[in-house]
Amino acid sequence: MHKLVSEFDFKLTREDVLKGQGIDPARASKRLFESAESVLEEAHSLIEPAALYTIARVTEFNHQSIKFEGGAFEGPLVARAMAGAEDLNIAACTIGKALEDTVEKTMSENPVKAVALDGAGIAALRMVSQTVEDIISKEACEIETSLGMRAQPGQEGWPIEQQRELFSILPADEIGIRLTESCLMIPRKSVSFVIPRGKGLSSSVVPCDFCSKRSRCEWRKDKQQAG
């Protein structure tokens, strides 16, 4: 049985918009802050957040696959990140199509505004997915079980084609999301993910642990130094 999430309580800030553009607010110019500020009201009017998730019972785990009620996931990332899972939280989130349509229309006449709006959309999608993660975390806490790392089809070690398997058990069309032939989601400001749940799972595992580029990743080095 899937669950619909339609109530979200978040408010974008200038800093959120900048981060959505990949800009560090601490290094942003006054002009960039003003641009971010100018799109906040319009961005909120265009965002139509919605999410859907379900919990599937794991029935079997093999070398590089995990079977659950309704389907199976395969790949090296699946094998390593979901080992020991008793259940899988499977989710899809979106902010709708209105904002990206506006970005497309605005790009030719006012690219600075369009990029700021796009940043707002990216930030909003992060907040929508975080809301769902918080719900999943609360449910796990209530039954005193642990959560593993969040994983997404298309990450290294998990083929993007596995989106079809995810969407076969989660009726994402109910919130307006569909898959293209190449397994990309429409609207583009959408995301799907899986969070395993089980007594023996470790919440300290992160996606970087499974990435082949981790030893030479500058972003990872910066994070370690900051820590």
C-alpha atoms as a PDB file:
ATOM      1  CA  MET A   1       0.000   0.000   0.000  1.00  0.00           C
ATOM      2  CA  HIS A   2       1.489   3.334  -1.012  1.00  0.00           C
ATOM      3  CA  LYS A   3       1.243   6.562   0.937  1.00  0.00           C
ATOM      4  CA  LEU A   4       0.707  10.015  -0.532  1.00  0.00           C
ATOM      5  CA  VAL A   5       2.512  13.009   0.960  1.00  0.00           C
ATOM      6  CA  SER A   6       0.838  16.286  -0.003  1.00  0.00           C
ATOM      7  CA  GLU A   7       1.518  18.586   2.952  1.00  0.00           C
ATOM      8  CA  PHE A   8       4.889  20.320   3.057  1.00  0.00           C
ATOM      9  CA  ASP A   9       6.039  23.045   5.388  1.00  0.00           C
ATOM     10  CA  PHE A  10       9.091  24.807   4.023  1.00  0.00           C
ATOM     11  CA  LYS A  11      10.041  28.280   2.897  1.00  0.00           C
ATOM     12  CA  LEU A  12      12.870  28.984   0.489  1.00  0.00           C
ATOM     13  CA  THR A  13      15.507  31.572   1.344  1.00  0.00           C
ATOM     14  CA  ARG A  14      18.001  33.456  -0.825  1.00  0.00           C
ATOM     15  CA  GLU A  15      20.690  31.103   0.444  1.00  0.00           C
ATOM     16  CA  ASP A  16      18.643  28.079  -0.675  1.00  0.00           C
ATOM     17  CA  VAL A  17      18.285  29.521  -4.180  1.00  0.00           C
ATOM     18  CA  LEU A  18      22.024  30.177  -4.408  1.00  0.00           C
ATOM     19  CA  LYS A  19      22.881  26.685  -3.215  1.00  0.00           C
ATOM     20  CA  GLY A  20      20.443  25.305  -5.778  1.00  0.00           C
ATOM     21  CA  GLN A  21      22.540  27.041  -8.429  1.00  0.00           C
ATOM     22  CA  GLY A  22      25.698  25.520  -7.011  1.00  0.00           C
ATOM     23  CA  ILE A  23      26.837  28.832  -5.531  1.00  0.00           C
ATOM     24  CA  ASP A  24      28.340  29.152  -2.059  1.00  0.00           C
ATOM     25  CA  PRO A  25      26.352  31.957  -0.346  1.00  0.00           C
ATOM     26  CA  ALA A  26      29.483  32.975   1.566  1.00  0.00           C
ATOM     27  CA  ARG A  27      31.143  33.833  -1.739  1.00  0.00           C
ATOM     28  CA  ALA A  28      28.138  35.198  -3.618  1.00  0.00           C
ATOM     29  CA  SER A  29      28.064  38.777  -4.865  1.00  0.00           C
ATOM     30  CA  LYS A  30      25.414  41.315  -3.937  1.00  0.00           C
ATOM     31  CA  ARG A  31      24.001  41.002  -7.458  1.00  0.00           C
ATOM     32  CA  LEU A  32      23.532  37.239  -7.073  1.00  0.00           C
ATOM     33  CA  PHE A  33      21.797  37.724  -3.717  1.00  0.00           C
ATOM     34  CA  GLU A  34      19.465  40.275  -5.279  1.00  0.00           C
ATOM     35  CA  SER A  35      18.690  37.905  -8.150  1.00  0.00           C
ATOM     36  CA  ALA A  36      17.898  35.100  -5.707  1.00  0.00           C
ATOM     37  CA  GLU A  37      15.707  37.399  -3.626  1.00  0.00           C
ATOM     38  CA  SER A  38      13.769  38.567  -6.676  1.00  0.00           C
ATOM     39  CA  VAL A  39      12.501  35.090  -7.621  1.00  0.00           C
ATOM     40  CA  LEU A  40      11.434  33.828  -4.193  1.00  0.00           C
ATOM     41  CA  GLU A  41       7.778  34.862  -4.373  1.00  0.00           C
ATOM     42  CA  GLU A  42       7.310  33.621  -7.934  1.00  0.00           C
ATOM     43  CA  ALA A  43       9.090  30.347  -7.203  1.00  0.00           C
ATOM     44  CA  HIS A  44       6.774  29.607  -4.283  1.00  0.00           C
ATOM     45  CA  SER A  45       3.739  30.257  -6.487  1.00  0.00           C
ATOM     46  CA  LEU A  46       5.009  27.791  -9.119  1.00  0.00           C
ATOM     47  CA  ILE A  47       6.047  24.920  -6.864  1.00  0.00           C
ATOM     48  CA  GLU A  48       3.510  22.100  -6.638  1.00  0.00           C
ATOM     49  CA  PRO A  49       5.150  19.570  -4.290  1.00  0.00           C
ATOM     50  CA  ALA A  50       3.966  15.994  -4.045  1.00  0.00           C
ATOM     51  CA  ALA A  51       5.462  12.673  -3.026  1.00  0.00           C
ATOM     52  CA  LEU A  52       4.559   9.029  -2.894  1.00  0.00           C
ATOM     53  CA  TYR A  53       6.219   6.178  -1.047  1.00  0.00           C
ATOM     54  CA  THR A  54       5.664   2.564  -0.126  1.00  0.00           C
ATOM     55  CA  ILE A  55       7.294  -0.025   2.106  1.00  0.00           C
ATOM     56  CA  ALA A  56       8.126  -3.373   0.502  1.00  0.00           C
ATOM     57  CA  ARG A  57       9.090  -6.459   2.485  1.00  0.00           C
ATOM     58  CA  VAL A  58      12.398  -8.033   1.454  1.00  0.00           C
ATOM     59  CA  THR A  59      12.007 -11.706   0.555  1.00  0.00           C
ATOM     60  CA  GLU A  60      15.464 -12.724  -0.670  1.00  0.00           C
ATOM     61  CA  PHE A  61      18.988 -11.350  -0.977  1.00  0.00           C
ATOM     62  CA  ASN A  62      21.545 -12.709  -3.444  1.00  0.00           C
ATOM     63  CA  HIS A  63      25.021 -11.654  -4.574  1.00  0.00           C
ATOM     64  CA  GLN A  64      23.977  -8.554  -6.545  1.00  0.00           C
ATOM     65  CA  SER A  65      20.217  -8.499  -6.199  1.00  0.00           C
ATOM     66  CA  ILE A  66      17.556  -8.005  -3.596  1.00  0.00           C
ATOM     67  CA  LYS A  67      14.042  -9.352  -4.069  1.00  0.00           C
ATOM     68  CA  PHE A  68      11.051  -7.825  -2.390  1.00  0.00           C
ATOM     69  CA  GLU A  69       7.295  -8.122  -2.565  1.00  0.00           C
ATOM     70  CA  GLY A  70       6.485  -6.915  -6.065  1.00  0.00           C
ATOM     71  CA  GLY A  71       9.902  -6.860  -7.701  1.00  0.00           C
ATOM     72  CA  ALA A  72      13.683  -6.916  -7.465  1.00  0.00           C
ATOM     73  CA  PHE A  73      16.636  -4.521  -7.705  1.00  0.00           C
ATOM     74  CA  GLU A  74      20.023  -5.487  -9.115  1.00  0.00           C
ATOM     75  CA  GLY A  75      23.510  -3.990  -9.227  1.00  0.00           C
ATOM     76  CA  PRO A  76      26.731  -3.670  -7.209  1.00  0.00           C
ATOM     77  CA  LEU A  77      25.412  -0.693  -5.244  1.00  0.00           C
ATOM     78  CA  VAL A  78      22.239  -2.598  -4.383  1.00  0.00           C
ATOM     79  CA  ALA A  79      24.288  -5.556  -3.169  1.00  0.00           C
ATOM     80  CA  ARG A  80      26.449  -3.454  -0.876  1.00  0.00           C
ATOM     81  CA  ALA A  81      24.046  -0.764   0.332  1.00  0.00           C
ATOM     82  CA  MET A  82      20.960  -2.908   0.940  1.00  0.00           C
ATOM     83  CA  ALA A  83      22.496  -6.049   2.418  1.00  0.00           C
ATOM     84  CA  GLY A  84      20.722  -6.896   5.662  1.00  0.00           C
ATOM     85  CA  ALA A  85      17.567  -4.947   4.840  1.00  0.00           C
ATOM     86  CA  GLU A  86      14.261  -6.312   6.080  1.00  0.00           C
ATOM     87  CA  ASP A  87      12.161  -3.722   4.247  1.00  0.00           C
ATOM     88  CA  LEU A  88      12.685  -1.139   1.516  1.00  0.00           C
ATOM     89  CA  ASN A  89      11.235   2.364   1.617  1.00  0.00           C
ATOM     90  CA  ILE A  90      10.642   3.244  -2.047  1.00  0.00           C
ATOM     91  CA  ALA A  91       9.799   6.867  -2.860  1.00  0.00           C
ATOM     92  CA  ALA A  92       9.229   9.361  -5.663  1.00  0.00           C
ATOM     93  CA  CYS A  93       9.023  13.149  -5.239  1.00  0.00           C
ATOM     94  CA  THR A  94       8.353  16.099  -7.524  1.00  0.00           C
ATOM     95  CA  ILE A  95       7.705  19.840  -7.486  1.00  0.00           C
ATOM     96  CA  GLY A  96       5.534  19.641 -10.594  1.00  0.00           C
ATOM     97  CA  LYS A  97       5.994  21.066 -14.066  1.00  0.00           C
ATOM     98  CA  ALA A  98       4.988  24.726 -13.710  1.00  0.00           C
ATOM     99  CA  LEU A  99       8.340  26.037 -12.521  1.00  0.00           C
ATOM    100  CA  GLU A 100      10.431  24.297 -15.189  1.00  0.00           C
ATOM    101  CA  ASP A 101       7.995  25.488 -17.889  1.00  0.00           C
ATOM    102  CA  THR A 102       8.502  29.057 -16.664  1.00  0.00           C
ATOM    103  CA  VAL A 103      12.281  28.596 -16.618  1.00  0.00           C
ATOM    104  CA  GLU A 104      12.185  27.436 -20.231  1.00  0.00           C
ATOM    105  CA  LYS A 105      10.059  30.395 -21.341  1.00  0.00           C
ATOM    106  CA  THR A 106      12.196  32.900 -19.426  1.00  0.00           C
ATOM    107  CA  MET A 107      15.616  31.646 -20.473  1.00  0.00           C
ATOM    108  CA  SER A 108      15.814  33.507 -23.807  1.00  0.00           C
ATOM    109  CA  GLU A 109      14.610  36.877 -22.510  1.00  0.00           C
ATOM    110  CA  ASN A 110      16.053  36.891 -18.986  1.00  0.00           C
ATOM    111  CA  PRO A 111      18.621  34.109 -18.442  1.00  0.00           C
ATOM    112  CA  VAL A 112      19.763  35.434 -15.053  1.00  0.00           C
ATOM    113  CA  LYS A 113      16.220  35.186 -13.695  1.00  0.00           C
ATOM    114  CA  ALA A 114      15.716  31.784 -15.322  1.00  0.00           C
ATOM    115  CA  VAL A 115      18.832  30.360 -13.695  1.00  0.00           C
ATOM    116  CA  ALA A 116      17.772  31.726 -10.300  1.00  0.00           C
ATOM    117  CA  LEU A 117      14.312  30.192 -10.691  1.00  0.00           C
ATOM    118  CA  ASP A 118      15.891  26.893 -11.650  1.00  0.00           C
ATOM    119  CA  GLY A 119      18.037  27.050  -8.527  1.00  0.00           C
ATOM    120  CA  ALA A 120      14.904  27.623  -6.464  1.00  0.00           C
ATOM    121  CA  GLY A 121      13.360  24.542  -8.038  1.00  0.00           C
ATOM    122  CA  ILE A 122      16.387  22.390  -7.229  1.00  0.00           C
ATOM    123  CA  ALA A 123      16.358  23.631  -3.628  1.00  0.00           C
ATOM    124  CA  ALA A 124      12.627  22.976  -3.314  1.00  0.00           C
ATOM    125  CA  LEU A 125      12.972  19.423  -4.601  1.00  0.00           C
ATOM    126  CA  ARG A 126      15.658  18.784  -1.992  1.00  0.00           C
ATOM    127  CA  MET A 127      13.275  19.990   0.707  1.00  0.00           C
ATOM    128  CA  VAL A 128      10.427  17.848  -0.601  1.00  0.00           C
ATOM    129  CA  SER A 129      12.590  14.733  -0.589  1.00  0.00           C
ATOM    130  CA  GLN A 130      13.933  15.625   2.865  1.00  0.00           C
ATOM    131  CA  THR A 131      10.366  15.830   4.159  1.00  0.00           C
ATOM    132  CA  VAL A 132       9.761  12.286   2.927  1.00  0.00           C
ATOM    133  CA  GLU A 133      13.045  11.106   4.452  1.00  0.00           C
ATOM    134  CA  ASP A 134      11.987  12.628   7.781  1.00  0.00           C
ATOM    135  CA  ILE A 135       8.679  10.735   7.653  1.00  0.00           C
ATOM    136  CA  ILE A 136      10.498   7.486   6.836  1.00  0.00           C
ATOM    137  CA  SER A 137      12.950   8.120   9.679  1.00  0.00           C
ATOM    138  CA  LYS A 138      10.143   8.766  12.161  1.00  0.00           C
ATOM    139  CA  GLU A 139       8.387   5.547  11.176  1.00  0.00           C
ATOM    140  CA  ALA A 140      11.619   3.574  11.612  1.00  0.00           C
ATOM    141  CA  CYS A 141      12.171   5.160  15.016  1.00  0.00           C
ATOM    142  CA  GLU A 142       8.668   4.211  16.132  1.00  0.00           C
ATOM    143  CA  ILE A 143       9.394   0.521  15.547  1.00  0.00           C
ATOM    144  CA  GLU A 144      12.965   0.813  16.866  1.00  0.00           C
ATOM    145  CA  THR A 145      14.730  -0.188  13.680  1.00  0.00           C
ATOM    146  CA  SER A 146      17.572   1.352  11.677  1.00  0.00           C
ATOM    147  CA  LEU A 147      17.803   2.908   8.232  1.00  0.00           C
ATOM    148  CA  GLY A 148      20.576   2.430   5.686  1.00  0.00           C
ATOM    149  CA  MET A 149      21.803   4.909   3.106  1.00  0.00           C
ATOM    150  CA  ARG A 150      19.555   6.536   0.546  1.00  0.00           C
ATOM    151  CA  ALA A 151      20.237   5.171  -2.947  1.00  0.00           C
ATOM    152  CA  GLN A 152      18.943   6.220  -6.367  1.00  0.00           C
ATOM    153  CA  PRO A 153      18.782   4.399  -9.706  1.00  0.00           C
ATOM    154  CA  GLY A 154      21.423   5.998 -11.906  1.00  0.00           C
ATOM    155  CA  GLN A 155      24.037   6.229  -9.170  1.00  0.00           C
ATOM    156  CA  GLU A 156      27.296   4.424  -9.842  1.00  0.00           C
ATOM    157  CA  GLY A 157      26.618   0.704  -9.380  1.00  0.00           C
ATOM    158  CA  TRP A 158      22.874   0.933  -9.925  1.00  0.00           C
ATOM    159  CA  PRO A 159      21.764   1.119 -13.593  1.00  0.00           C
ATOM    160  CA  ILE A 160      19.294   3.868 -14.487  1.00  0.00           C
ATOM    161  CA  GLU A 161      17.158   1.212 -16.226  1.00  0.00           C
ATOM    162  CA  GLN A 162      16.168   0.003 -12.747  1.00  0.00           C
ATOM    163  CA  GLN A 163      13.843   3.005 -12.632  1.00  0.00           C
ATOM    164  CA  ARG A 164      11.377   0.806 -14.524  1.00  0.00           C
ATOM    165  CA  GLU A 165      11.368  -1.686 -11.679  1.00  0.00           C
ATOM    166  CA  LEU A 166      10.843   1.071  -9.134  1.00  0.00           C
ATOM    167  CA  PHE A 167       8.003   2.630 -11.095  1.00  0.00           C
ATOM    168  CA  SER A 168       6.356  -0.739 -11.677  1.00  0.00           C
ATOM    169  CA  ILE A 169       5.461  -0.963  -7.984  1.00  0.00           C
ATOM    170  CA  LEU A 170       5.088   2.745  -7.209  1.00  0.00           C
ATOM    171  CA  PRO A 171       2.254   4.440  -9.156  1.00  0.00           C
ATOM    172  CA  ALA A 172       4.131   7.715  -9.591  1.00  0.00           C
ATOM    173  CA  ASP A 173       1.697   8.821 -12.279  1.00  0.00           C
ATOM    174  CA  GLU A 174      -0.651   9.626  -9.406  1.00  0.00           C
ATOM    175  CA  ILE A 175       1.585  12.604  -8.624  1.00  0.00           C
ATOM    176  CA  GLY A 176       2.244  13.429 -12.276  1.00  0.00           C
ATOM    177  CA  ILE A 177       5.593  11.687 -12.795  1.00  0.00           C
ATOM    178  CA  ARG A 178       6.286   9.528 -15.825  1.00  0.00           C
ATOM    179  CA  LEU A 179       9.353   7.821 -17.255  1.00  0.00           C
ATOM    180  CA  THR A 180      10.822   8.437 -20.678  1.00  0.00           C
ATOM    181  CA  GLU A 181      12.169   5.577 -22.789  1.00  0.00           C
ATOM    182  CA  SER A 182      15.642   6.381 -21.459  1.00  0.00           C
ATOM    183  CA  CYS A 183      14.308   6.127 -17.876  1.00  0.00           C
ATOM    184  CA  LEU A 184      14.522   9.843 -17.102  1.00  0.00           C
ATOM    185  CA  MET A 185      11.706  11.350 -15.076  1.00  0.00           C
ATOM    186  CA  ILE A 186       9.255  13.963 -16.328  1.00  0.00           C
ATOM    187  CA  PRO A 187       8.869  16.551 -14.809  1.00  0.00           C
ATOM    188  CA  ARG A 188      12.643  16.913 -14.629  1.00  0.00           C
ATOM    189  CA  LYS A 189      12.428  18.339 -11.115  1.00  0.00           C
ATOM    190  CA  SER A 190      11.597  14.898  -9.740  1.00  0.00           C
ATOM    191  CA  VAL A 191      13.595  12.306  -7.843  1.00  0.00           C
ATOM    192  CA  SER A 192      13.163   8.672  -6.843  1.00  0.00           C
ATOM    193  CA  PHE A 193      15.062   6.822  -4.145  1.00  0.00           C
ATOM    194  CA  VAL A 194      15.175   3.780  -1.893  1.00  0.00           C
ATOM    195  CA  ILE A 195      16.064   3.688   1.798  1.00  0.00           C
ATOM    196  CA  PRO A 196      16.552   0.204   3.277  1.00  0.00           C
ATOM    197  CA  ARG A 197      15.295  -0.574   6.761  1.00  0.00           C
ATOM    198  CA  GLY A 198      16.406  -3.298   9.151  1.00  0.00           C
ATOM    199  CA  LYS A 199      17.787  -4.042  12.613  1.00  0.00           C
ATOM    200  CA  GLY A 200      21.340  -4.609  11.385  1.00  0.00           C
ATOM    201  CA  LEU A 201      21.712  -1.665   9.025  1.00  0.00           C
ATOM    202  CA  SER A 202      24.169   1.156   9.635  1.00  0.00           C
ATOM    203  CA  SER A 203      23.052   4.761   9.155  1.00  0.00           C
ATOM    204  CA  SER A 204      26.701   5.849   8.971  1.00  0.00           C
ATOM    205  CA  VAL A 205      27.097   4.436   5.458  1.00  0.00           C
ATOM    206  CA  VAL A 206      27.007   7.143   2.763  1.00  0.00           C
ATOM    207  CA  PRO A 207      26.967   7.031  -1.064  1.00  0.00           C
ATOM    208  CA  CYS A 208      30.618   8.197  -1.217  1.00  0.00           C
ATOM    209  CA  ASP A 209      31.636   4.891   0.343  1.00  0.00           C
ATOM    210  CA  PHE A 210      30.592   3.094  -2.832  1.00  0.00           C
ATOM    211  CA  CYS A 211      31.986   5.507  -5.414  1.00  0.00           C
ATOM    212  CA  SER A 212      35.032   4.459  -7.462  1.00  0.00           C
ATOM    213  CA  LYS A 213      36.192   8.108  -7.562  1.00  0.00           C
ATOM    214  CA  ARG A 214      36.251   8.579  -3.791  1.00  0.00           C
ATOM    215  CA  SER A 215      40.062   8.515  -3.497  1.00  0.00           C
ATOM    216  CA  ARG A 216      40.495  11.434  -5.924  1.00  0.00           C
ATOM    217  CA  CYS A 217      37.273  13.367  -5.301  1.00  0.00           C
ATOM    218  CA  GLU A 218      38.056  16.999  -4.411  1.00  0.00           C
ATOM    219  CA  TRP A 219      34.602  17.502  -2.895  1.00  0.00           C
ATOM    220  CA  ARG A 220      35.114  14.541  -0.567  1.00  0.00           C
ATOM    221  CA  LYS A 221      38.581  15.811   0.431  1.00  0.00           C
ATOM    222  CA  ASP A 222      37.125  19.235   1.259  1.00  0.00           C
ATOM    223  CA  LYS A 223      34.416  17.636   3.399  1.00  0.00           C
ATOM    224  CA  GLN A 224      36.953  15.521   5.293  1.00  0.00           C
ATOM    225  CA  GLN A 225      39.165  18.557   5.951  1.00  0.00           C
ATOM    226  CA  ALA A 226      36.163  20.568   7.127  1.00  0.00           C
ATOM    227  CA  GLY A 227      35.232  17.763   9.511  1.00  0.00           C
END
